[in-house]
Amino acid sequence: QAQVEESGGGLVQTGDSLRLSCTNSERKFIIATMAWFRQAPGAEREFVTALSWGGYVAYYADSVKGRFTISGDSAKNTVTLQMNSLKPEDTAVYYCASRGYVSAPVTDMDPYDFWGQGTQVTVSS
């Protein structure tokens, strides 16, 4: 069973920055895309950003575009999420997810095979 480890959550104020990191230790399954989803209290889990190793193409939800940046290393199956200009509405549990080569939008949760336990991000106003 692959181990997905996340780190970097915490409590910050509006306008602050925070960096999340994730590593997928899977070695028998080819990882093609790594992503971050988030779930706020009482809300459904939603797509935040993804990075596909083919061409290192990044995808962002409109709500975070221009503020969040995803980067990573395909050789190590690690991704980092740099979050700037944080807002209270960014408060959520952030989950790292990974998937193989599938013909589905990166925003769809179902194709992701590996999930982390989640890390809490709280932005106070």
N, C-alpha and C. Protein backbone atom coordinates (compact mmCIF):
# COMPACT_ATOMS: atom_id res chain seq x y z
N GLN A 1 0.85 -1.19 0.00
CA GLN A 1 0.00 0.00 0.00
C GLN A 1 0.89 1.24 0.00
N ALA A 2 0.65 2.12 -0.96
CA ALA A 2 1.45 3.34 -1.04
C ALA A 2 1.17 4.22 0.16
N GLN A 3 2.19 4.90 0.56
CA GLN A 3 2.05 5.83 1.67
C GLN A 3 2.14 7.24 1.13
N VAL A 4 1.11 8.02 1.38
CA VAL A 4 1.08 9.40 0.96
C VAL A 4 1.21 10.27 2.20
N GLU A 5 2.27 11.01 2.27
CA GLU A 5 2.53 11.83 3.44
C GLU A 5 2.43 13.30 3.08
N GLU A 6 1.64 14.01 3.86
CA GLU A 6 1.47 15.45 3.68
C GLU A 6 2.05 16.17 4.89
N SER A 7 2.47 17.40 4.67
CA SER A 7 2.96 18.22 5.78
C SER A 7 2.78 19.68 5.43
N GLY A 8 2.82 20.53 6.44
CA GLY A 8 2.86 21.96 6.21
C GLY A 8 1.62 22.75 6.56
N GLY A 9 0.58 22.09 7.03
CA GLY A 9 -0.62 22.84 7.39
C GLY A 9 -0.39 23.68 8.63
N GLY A 10 -1.38 24.52 8.95
CA GLY A 10 -1.26 25.33 10.15
C GLY A 10 -2.28 26.45 10.20
N LEU A 11 -2.09 27.32 11.17
CA LEU A 11 -2.98 28.47 11.38
C LEU A 11 -2.24 29.74 10.99
N VAL A 12 -2.82 30.50 10.07
CA VAL A 12 -2.22 31.75 9.61
C VAL A 12 -3.29 32.83 9.55
N GLN A 13 -2.85 34.05 9.29
CA GLN A 13 -3.78 35.16 9.17
C GLN A 13 -4.04 35.48 7.70
N THR A 14 -5.09 36.21 7.46
CA THR A 14 -5.41 36.64 6.10
C THR A 14 -4.23 37.36 5.48
N GLY A 15 -3.90 36.96 4.25
CA GLY A 15 -2.79 37.58 3.54
C GLY A 15 -1.47 36.86 3.72
N ASP A 16 -1.41 35.95 4.65
CA ASP A 16 -0.17 35.20 4.89
C ASP A 16 0.04 34.13 3.83
N SER A 17 1.20 33.49 3.92
CA SER A 17 1.54 32.40 3.01
C SER A 17 1.77 31.11 3.79
N LEU A 18 1.61 30.01 3.09
CA LEU A 18 1.81 28.69 3.69
C LEU A 18 2.23 27.74 2.59
N ARG A 19 3.06 26.76 2.94
CA ARG A 19 3.52 25.79 1.96
C ARG A 19 3.18 24.39 2.42
N LEU A 20 2.55 23.64 1.54
CA LEU A 20 2.23 22.25 1.81
C LEU A 20 3.12 21.35 0.96
N SER A 21 3.49 20.22 1.52
CA SER A 21 4.30 19.26 0.78
C SER A 21 3.65 17.89 0.83
N CYS A 22 3.92 17.09 -0.19
CA CYS A 22 3.35 15.74 -0.27
C CYS A 22 4.32 14.83 -0.98
N THR A 23 4.44 13.62 -0.46
CA THR A 23 5.26 12.59 -1.09
C THR A 23 4.45 11.31 -1.19
N ASN A 24 4.48 10.71 -2.38
CA ASN A 24 3.85 9.41 -2.59
C ASN A 24 4.96 8.39 -2.72
N SER A 25 4.97 7.41 -1.83
CA SER A 25 6.07 6.45 -1.80
C SER A 25 5.82 5.24 -2.69
N GLU A 26 4.74 5.25 -3.47
CA GLU A 26 4.41 4.14 -4.36
C GLU A 26 5.51 3.92 -5.38
N ARG A 27 5.96 2.67 -5.55
CA ARG A 27 7.03 2.35 -6.49
C ARG A 27 6.62 1.32 -7.51
N LYS A 28 5.49 0.63 -7.34
CA LYS A 28 5.03 -0.39 -8.28
C LYS A 28 3.99 0.13 -9.24
N PHE A 29 3.46 1.28 -8.99
CA PHE A 29 2.39 1.87 -9.79
C PHE A 29 2.92 3.17 -10.37
N ILE A 30 2.72 3.37 -11.66
CA ILE A 30 3.23 4.58 -12.30
C ILE A 30 2.30 5.76 -12.02
N ILE A 31 2.83 6.74 -11.36
CA ILE A 31 2.08 7.95 -11.06
C ILE A 31 2.22 8.94 -12.21
N ALA A 32 1.10 9.45 -12.69
CA ALA A 32 1.13 10.39 -13.81
C ALA A 32 0.73 11.80 -13.39
N THR A 33 -0.10 11.88 -12.35
CA THR A 33 -0.59 13.18 -11.91
C THR A 33 -0.68 13.19 -10.39
N MET A 34 -0.27 14.29 -9.79
CA MET A 34 -0.47 14.51 -8.37
C MET A 34 -1.26 15.78 -8.19
N ALA A 35 -2.13 15.77 -7.19
CA ALA A 35 -3.07 16.88 -7.05
C ALA A 35 -3.34 17.20 -5.59
N TRP A 36 -3.95 18.35 -5.39
CA TRP A 36 -4.45 18.74 -4.08
C TRP A 36 -5.95 19.01 -4.21
N PHE A 37 -6.68 18.45 -3.27
CA PHE A 37 -8.09 18.74 -3.10
C PHE A 37 -8.25 19.31 -1.70
N ARG A 38 -9.39 19.94 -1.44
CA ARG A 38 -9.63 20.45 -0.10
C ARG A 38 -11.10 20.30 0.25
N GLN A 39 -11.34 20.23 1.55
CA GLN A 39 -12.70 20.08 2.03
C GLN A 39 -12.90 20.98 3.24
N ALA A 40 -13.79 21.95 3.07
CA ALA A 40 -14.13 22.86 4.15
C ALA A 40 -15.25 22.25 5.00
N PRO A 41 -15.41 22.69 6.23
CA PRO A 41 -16.48 22.15 7.08
C PRO A 41 -17.84 22.30 6.42
N GLY A 42 -18.59 21.19 6.36
CA GLY A 42 -19.92 21.22 5.80
C GLY A 42 -19.99 21.29 4.28
N ALA A 43 -18.84 21.22 3.63
CA ALA A 43 -18.80 21.32 2.17
C ALA A 43 -18.26 20.03 1.56
N GLU A 44 -18.45 19.89 0.27
CA GLU A 44 -17.90 18.73 -0.43
C GLU A 44 -16.42 18.98 -0.74
N ARG A 45 -15.73 17.88 -0.93
CA ARG A 45 -14.33 18.00 -1.30
C ARG A 45 -14.24 18.59 -2.70
N GLU A 46 -13.29 19.51 -2.91
CA GLU A 46 -13.18 20.18 -4.20
C GLU A 46 -11.74 20.19 -4.69
N PHE A 47 -11.62 20.28 -5.99
CA PHE A 47 -10.31 20.33 -6.65
C PHE A 47 -9.65 21.67 -6.38
N VAL A 48 -8.34 21.63 -6.14
CA VAL A 48 -7.57 22.86 -5.95
C VAL A 48 -6.56 23.03 -7.08
N THR A 49 -5.70 22.04 -7.25
CA THR A 49 -4.65 22.14 -8.25
C THR A 49 -4.09 20.76 -8.54
N ALA A 50 -3.48 20.59 -9.70
CA ALA A 50 -2.86 19.33 -10.08
C ALA A 50 -1.65 19.59 -10.95
N LEU A 51 -0.74 18.64 -10.93
CA LEU A 51 0.46 18.71 -11.74
C LEU A 51 0.64 17.37 -12.43
N SER A 52 0.62 17.39 -13.77
CA SER A 52 0.82 16.18 -14.54
C SER A 52 2.26 16.08 -14.96
N TRP A 53 2.86 14.90 -14.77
CA TRP A 53 4.27 14.77 -15.03
C TRP A 53 4.61 14.91 -16.51
N GLY A 54 3.69 14.54 -17.39
CA GLY A 54 3.94 14.72 -18.82
C GLY A 54 3.97 16.19 -19.17
N GLY A 55 5.14 16.74 -19.30
CA GLY A 55 5.25 18.15 -19.63
C GLY A 55 5.13 19.08 -18.42
N TYR A 56 4.98 18.49 -17.24
CA TYR A 56 4.83 19.29 -16.02
C TYR A 56 3.75 20.36 -16.21
N VAL A 57 2.59 19.91 -16.64
CA VAL A 57 1.47 20.82 -16.85
C VAL A 57 0.71 20.99 -15.54
N ALA A 58 0.45 22.24 -15.18
CA ALA A 58 -0.26 22.55 -13.94
C ALA A 58 -1.68 23.02 -14.23
N TYR A 59 -2.59 22.65 -13.35
CA TYR A 59 -3.99 23.02 -13.47
C TYR A 59 -4.41 23.65 -12.14
N TYR A 60 -5.28 24.67 -12.22
CA TYR A 60 -5.72 25.36 -11.01
C TYR A 60 -7.22 25.62 -11.04
N ALA A 61 -7.82 25.55 -9.87
CA ALA A 61 -9.19 26.00 -9.73
C ALA A 61 -9.20 27.52 -9.85
N ASP A 62 -10.27 28.07 -10.36
CA ASP A 62 -10.35 29.52 -10.55
C ASP A 62 -10.17 30.26 -9.22
N SER A 63 -10.62 29.66 -8.14
CA SER A 63 -10.59 30.32 -6.85
C SER A 63 -9.17 30.51 -6.30
N VAL A 64 -8.21 29.77 -6.84
CA VAL A 64 -6.84 29.87 -6.33
C VAL A 64 -5.85 30.36 -7.38
N LYS A 65 -6.32 30.49 -8.61
CA LYS A 65 -5.44 30.90 -9.69
C LYS A 65 -4.80 32.26 -9.38
N GLY A 66 -3.49 32.33 -9.55
CA GLY A 66 -2.78 33.58 -9.28
C GLY A 66 -2.28 33.69 -7.85
N ARG A 67 -2.77 32.83 -6.97
CA ARG A 67 -2.34 32.87 -5.56
C ARG A 67 -1.60 31.60 -5.16
N PHE A 68 -1.99 30.48 -5.73
CA PHE A 68 -1.37 29.19 -5.39
C PHE A 68 -0.48 28.75 -6.56
N THR A 69 0.60 28.07 -6.21
CA THR A 69 1.51 27.52 -7.21
C THR A 69 1.89 26.10 -6.82
N ILE A 70 1.72 25.18 -7.75
CA ILE A 70 2.11 23.80 -7.51
C ILE A 70 3.40 23.52 -8.26
N SER A 71 4.28 22.78 -7.61
CA SER A 71 5.52 22.37 -8.25
C SER A 71 5.82 20.95 -7.77
N GLY A 72 6.75 20.28 -8.45
CA GLY A 72 7.01 18.92 -8.03
C GLY A 72 8.18 18.28 -8.73
N ASP A 73 8.42 17.05 -8.35
CA ASP A 73 9.52 16.25 -8.88
C ASP A 73 8.97 14.87 -9.23
N SER A 74 8.92 14.58 -10.52
CA SER A 74 8.32 13.30 -10.95
C SER A 74 9.18 12.10 -10.54
N ALA A 75 10.46 12.30 -10.43
CA ALA A 75 11.35 11.19 -10.06
C ALA A 75 11.12 10.75 -8.61
N LYS A 76 10.68 11.68 -7.79
CA LYS A 76 10.45 11.40 -6.38
C LYS A 76 8.97 11.34 -6.03
N ASN A 77 8.11 11.63 -7.00
CA ASN A 77 6.67 11.71 -6.73
C ASN A 77 6.38 12.61 -5.53
N THR A 78 6.90 13.81 -5.61
CA THR A 78 6.64 14.81 -4.58
C THR A 78 6.05 16.06 -5.22
N VAL A 79 5.18 16.71 -4.51
CA VAL A 79 4.64 17.99 -4.94
C VAL A 79 4.65 18.96 -3.76
N THR A 80 4.77 20.22 -4.10
CA THR A 80 4.71 21.29 -3.12
C THR A 80 3.65 22.29 -3.57
N LEU A 81 2.85 22.73 -2.63
CA LEU A 81 1.83 23.73 -2.92
C LEU A 81 2.16 25.00 -2.15
N GLN A 82 2.54 26.02 -2.88
CA GLN A 82 2.82 27.32 -2.28
C GLN A 82 1.54 28.15 -2.32
N MET A 83 1.07 28.53 -1.15
CA MET A 83 -0.19 29.27 -1.06
C MET A 83 0.11 30.68 -0.55
N ASN A 84 -0.18 31.67 -1.37
CA ASN A 84 0.04 33.06 -1.01
C ASN A 84 -1.29 33.80 -0.91
N SER A 85 -1.26 34.94 -0.28
CA SER A 85 -2.46 35.78 -0.15
C SER A 85 -3.66 34.97 0.33
N LEU A 86 -3.44 34.22 1.38
CA LEU A 86 -4.49 33.33 1.88
C LEU A 86 -5.70 34.12 2.39
N LYS A 87 -6.86 33.52 2.19
CA LYS A 87 -8.13 34.11 2.60
C LYS A 87 -8.83 33.17 3.56
N PRO A 88 -9.74 33.69 4.36
CA PRO A 88 -10.50 32.80 5.27
C PRO A 88 -11.22 31.68 4.52
N GLU A 89 -11.66 31.93 3.30
CA GLU A 89 -12.35 30.90 2.53
C GLU A 89 -11.42 29.78 2.05
N ASP A 90 -10.12 29.94 2.26
CA ASP A 90 -9.18 28.87 1.96
C ASP A 90 -9.09 27.86 3.11
N THR A 91 -9.74 28.17 4.22
CA THR A 91 -9.72 27.27 5.37
C THR A 91 -10.36 25.94 5.00
N ALA A 92 -9.61 24.86 5.21
CA ALA A 92 -10.09 23.53 4.83
C ALA A 92 -9.04 22.50 5.22
N VAL A 93 -9.43 21.25 5.12
CA VAL A 93 -8.46 20.16 5.18
C VAL A 93 -7.99 19.92 3.75
N TYR A 94 -6.70 19.95 3.56
CA TYR A 94 -6.12 19.78 2.22
C TYR A 94 -5.60 18.35 2.08
N TYR A 95 -6.01 17.70 0.99
CA TYR A 95 -5.66 16.32 0.74
C TYR A 95 -4.78 16.23 -0.52
N CYS A 96 -3.73 15.45 -0.42
CA CYS A 96 -2.88 15.16 -1.56
C CYS A 96 -3.37 13.86 -2.20
N ALA A 97 -3.42 13.83 -3.53
CA ALA A 97 -3.90 12.65 -4.23
C ALA A 97 -3.03 12.36 -5.45
N SER A 98 -2.97 11.09 -5.84
CA SER A 98 -2.17 10.69 -6.99
C SER A 98 -2.97 9.72 -7.86
N ARG A 99 -2.67 9.74 -9.15
CA ARG A 99 -3.32 8.81 -10.06
C ARG A 99 -2.37 8.42 -11.17
N GLY A 100 -2.74 7.37 -11.90
CA GLY A 100 -1.95 6.94 -13.04
C GLY A 100 -2.42 7.63 -14.29
N TYR A 101 -2.14 6.98 -15.43
CA TYR A 101 -2.54 7.54 -16.72
C TYR A 101 -4.00 7.16 -17.00
N VAL A 102 -4.88 8.10 -16.85
CA VAL A 102 -6.30 7.89 -17.15
C VAL A 102 -6.81 9.04 -18.00
N SER A 103 -7.79 8.74 -18.83
CA SER A 103 -8.35 9.77 -19.71
C SER A 103 -9.55 10.41 -19.04
N ALA A 104 -9.30 11.12 -17.98
CA ALA A 104 -10.34 11.82 -17.24
C ALA A 104 -9.80 13.17 -16.78
N PRO A 105 -10.65 14.14 -16.63
CA PRO A 105 -10.18 15.44 -16.16
C PRO A 105 -9.47 15.33 -14.81
N VAL A 106 -8.44 16.11 -14.62
CA VAL A 106 -7.71 16.06 -13.37
C VAL A 106 -8.56 16.52 -12.19
N THR A 107 -9.67 17.18 -12.49
CA THR A 107 -10.56 17.67 -11.44
C THR A 107 -11.45 16.58 -10.85
N ASP A 108 -11.55 15.44 -11.55
CA ASP A 108 -12.40 14.34 -11.06
C ASP A 108 -11.69 13.58 -9.95
N MET A 109 -12.34 13.36 -8.84
CA MET A 109 -11.73 12.67 -7.71
C MET A 109 -11.63 11.16 -7.90
N ASP A 110 -12.61 10.57 -8.58
CA ASP A 110 -12.70 9.11 -8.67
C ASP A 110 -11.44 8.44 -9.20
N PRO A 111 -10.77 8.99 -10.23
CA PRO A 111 -9.60 8.28 -10.77
C PRO A 111 -8.35 8.30 -9.89
N TYR A 112 -8.39 9.07 -8.83
CA TYR A 112 -7.21 9.14 -7.97
C TYR A 112 -7.17 7.92 -7.06
N ASP A 113 -6.07 7.19 -7.15
CA ASP A 113 -5.95 5.93 -6.43
C ASP A 113 -5.38 6.09 -5.02
N PHE A 114 -4.58 7.10 -4.82
CA PHE A 114 -3.88 7.25 -3.55
C PHE A 114 -4.21 8.60 -2.93
N TRP A 115 -4.54 8.56 -1.65
CA TRP A 115 -4.92 9.77 -0.93
C TRP A 115 -4.16 9.85 0.40
N GLY A 116 -3.81 11.06 0.76
CA GLY A 116 -3.22 11.27 2.07
C GLY A 116 -4.31 11.44 3.12
N GLN A 117 -3.88 11.57 4.36
CA GLN A 117 -4.81 11.71 5.48
C GLN A 117 -5.36 13.13 5.59
N GLY A 118 -4.70 14.07 4.96
CA GLY A 118 -5.16 15.45 5.01
C GLY A 118 -4.39 16.27 6.02
N THR A 119 -4.25 17.55 5.72
CA THR A 119 -3.60 18.48 6.64
C THR A 119 -4.45 19.74 6.75
N GLN A 120 -4.64 20.21 7.96
CA GLN A 120 -5.54 21.33 8.21
C GLN A 120 -4.87 22.66 7.91
N VAL A 121 -5.57 23.49 7.15
CA VAL A 121 -5.15 24.86 6.91
C VAL A 121 -6.26 25.78 7.42
N THR A 122 -5.92 26.66 8.34
CA THR A 122 -6.89 27.58 8.90
C THR A 122 -6.39 29.00 8.71
N VAL A 123 -7.22 29.83 8.08
CA VAL A 123 -6.87 31.22 7.83
C VAL A 123 -7.82 32.10 8.63
N SER A 124 -7.28 32.83 9.57
CA SER A 124 -8.11 33.68 10.41
C SER A 124 -8.25 35.07 9.79
N SER A 125 -9.40 35.68 10.03
CA SER A 125 -9.65 37.01 9.45
C SER A 125 -9.18 38.12 10.38
